[in-house]
Protein backbone atom coordinates (compact mmCIF):
# COMPACT_ATOMS: atom_id res chain seq x y z
CA MET A 1 65.02 88.56 104.39
CA SER A 2 66.48 90.39 101.44
CA GLY A 3 70.19 91.16 101.34
CA HIS A 4 69.55 94.39 99.50
CA ARG A 5 66.87 96.36 101.37
CA VAL A 6 67.59 98.91 104.10
CA TYR A 7 64.77 100.27 106.26
CA LEU A 8 65.05 104.01 106.88
CA ALA A 9 63.90 104.54 110.47
CA GLY A 10 63.54 108.12 111.61
CA PRO A 11 61.20 110.81 112.90
CA PRO A 12 58.15 111.59 110.72
CA PHE A 13 59.36 115.03 109.65
CA ALA A 14 62.97 114.11 108.85
CA GLU A 15 62.71 114.74 105.10
CA GLU A 16 66.35 115.83 104.72
CA TYR A 17 67.57 112.64 106.44
CA ARG A 18 65.33 110.49 104.24
CA ARG A 19 66.47 112.22 101.06
CA ARG A 20 70.17 111.99 101.93
CA ALA A 21 69.92 108.44 103.28
CA SER A 22 68.04 107.23 100.20
CA THR A 23 70.70 108.72 97.91
CA LEU A 24 73.58 107.22 99.91
CA VAL A 25 71.95 103.79 100.27
CA LEU A 26 71.21 103.65 96.54
CA ALA A 27 74.78 104.69 95.71
CA ALA A 28 76.06 101.86 97.92
CA GLY A 29 74.02 99.34 95.92
CA TRP A 30 71.08 98.75 98.26
CA GLU A 31 67.39 99.56 98.02
CA PRO A 32 66.17 102.06 100.62
CA LEU A 33 62.75 101.33 102.09
CA ASP A 34 61.12 104.47 103.46
CA PRO A 35 58.12 103.76 105.70
CA MET A 36 56.91 107.34 105.13
CA ARG A 37 55.70 106.25 101.69
CA ARG A 38 52.62 105.36 103.78
CA ASP A 39 52.25 108.91 105.11
CA PHE A 40 49.81 109.16 108.01
CA ARG A 41 51.15 112.46 109.40
CA GLY A 42 48.24 114.40 110.86
CA ASN A 43 45.96 111.38 110.43
CA THR A 44 47.27 108.67 112.76
CA GLU A 45 44.19 108.30 114.95
CA GLY A 46 42.35 105.12 114.09
CA HIS A 47 45.26 103.91 111.92
CA GLU A 48 47.65 102.84 114.67
CA ALA A 49 47.53 99.11 113.89
CA GLU A 50 47.91 99.73 110.15
CA ILE A 51 50.93 101.98 110.76
CA VAL A 52 52.69 99.66 113.21
CA LEU A 53 51.95 96.41 111.36
CA GLY A 54 53.08 98.00 108.08
CA ASP A 55 56.32 99.16 109.67
CA LEU A 56 56.98 95.75 111.22
CA ALA A 57 56.37 94.00 107.89
CA ASP A 58 58.71 96.46 106.18
CA ILE A 59 61.44 95.86 108.77
CA ASP A 60 61.02 92.09 108.41
CA SER A 61 61.58 92.47 104.65
CA CYS A 62 64.90 94.26 105.12
CA ALA A 63 68.44 93.12 105.77
CA ALA A 64 69.30 96.12 107.97
CA VAL A 65 67.88 99.25 109.57
CA LEU A 66 69.46 102.68 109.26
CA ALA A 67 68.12 104.72 112.19
CA ASP A 68 68.13 108.51 112.55
CA PHE A 69 68.73 109.22 116.23
CA THR A 70 69.51 112.91 115.79
CA ARG A 71 66.57 113.64 118.12
CA PRO A 72 64.32 111.54 120.36
CA ASP A 73 61.48 109.74 118.59
CA GLU A 74 59.39 106.92 120.02
CA GLY A 75 58.71 105.31 116.65
CA THR A 76 62.39 105.19 115.68
CA SER A 77 63.25 103.71 119.06
CA MET A 78 60.58 101.02 118.75
CA GLU A 79 61.64 100.19 115.17
CA ALA A 80 65.29 99.85 116.24
CA TRP A 81 64.36 97.66 119.22
CA TYR A 82 62.14 95.44 117.07
CA ALA A 83 64.83 94.99 114.40
CA HIS A 84 67.43 94.19 117.06
CA SER A 85 65.09 91.64 118.67
CA GLN A 86 64.66 89.95 115.28
CA GLY A 87 68.42 89.77 114.63
CA ILE A 88 68.30 92.49 111.96
CA PRO A 89 71.33 94.78 112.32
CA VAL A 90 70.69 98.42 113.21
CA VAL A 91 73.15 101.17 112.29
CA ALA A 92 72.52 104.43 114.12
CA TYR A 93 73.13 107.95 112.85
CA THR A 94 73.30 110.61 115.59
CA GLY A 95 74.39 113.78 113.83
CA GLY A 96 76.72 114.28 116.79
CA GLN A 97 73.98 114.10 119.42
CA TRP A 98 74.52 112.04 122.57
CA ALA A 99 73.64 108.37 122.01
CA HIS A 100 71.28 106.98 124.64
CA PRO A 101 72.45 103.68 126.22
CA TRP A 102 69.50 101.86 124.59
CA THR A 103 70.53 103.23 121.18
CA VAL A 104 74.06 101.95 121.68
CA TYR A 105 72.79 98.59 122.96
CA VAL A 106 70.53 97.84 119.99
CA SER A 107 72.92 99.16 117.34
CA ALA A 108 75.64 97.27 115.52
CA SER A 109 77.41 100.65 115.35
CA VAL A 110 76.73 104.33 116.07
CA HIS A 111 77.94 107.16 113.81
CA LYS A 112 77.98 110.95 113.93
CA ALA A 113 77.96 111.33 110.13
CA LEU A 114 75.29 109.82 107.88
CA GLU A 115 77.91 108.90 105.29
CA ASP A 116 79.80 106.87 107.91
CA ALA A 117 76.59 105.17 109.04
CA VAL A 118 75.75 104.12 105.48
CA ALA A 119 79.32 102.89 104.94
CA ALA A 120 78.96 100.81 108.14
CA LEU A 121 75.97 99.00 106.63
CA ALA A 122 78.42 96.92 104.59
CA ALA A 123 80.05 95.60 107.76
CA ALA A 124 76.67 95.07 109.43
CA LEU A 125 75.48 93.11 106.40
CA GLY A 126 78.67 91.09 106.09
CA GLY A 127 80.09 92.79 103.01
CA VAL A 128 79.18 94.53 99.80
CA PRO A 129 75.78 93.78 98.23
CA ALA A 130 75.67 91.28 95.38
């Protein structure tokens, strides 16, 4: 597991989150890993195993998961649960939305502001990246 990669979990059409999160994660000294680089939007049928196995491999290659929980999304929830089950810290960003008990349970911390969530990655990862 790399100490420098952060998986960007979030709904498929959350481009603004992905752009902002990537910028903030890079500025903090980590490498963002966006699973949407393998974009199957509108073409998921028949590719389910490829999508899920690719996401799981990506999560396994990361030191933490930054999860956009500004709205319900099954994929984000599954990614956060998987990371938590593997001992990979999850930091949740809610945008001020109510945090579901499962979100709180699987997250090392929950934050209204994306900037605060990215700052919390340092604590979740045990300090500043090398």
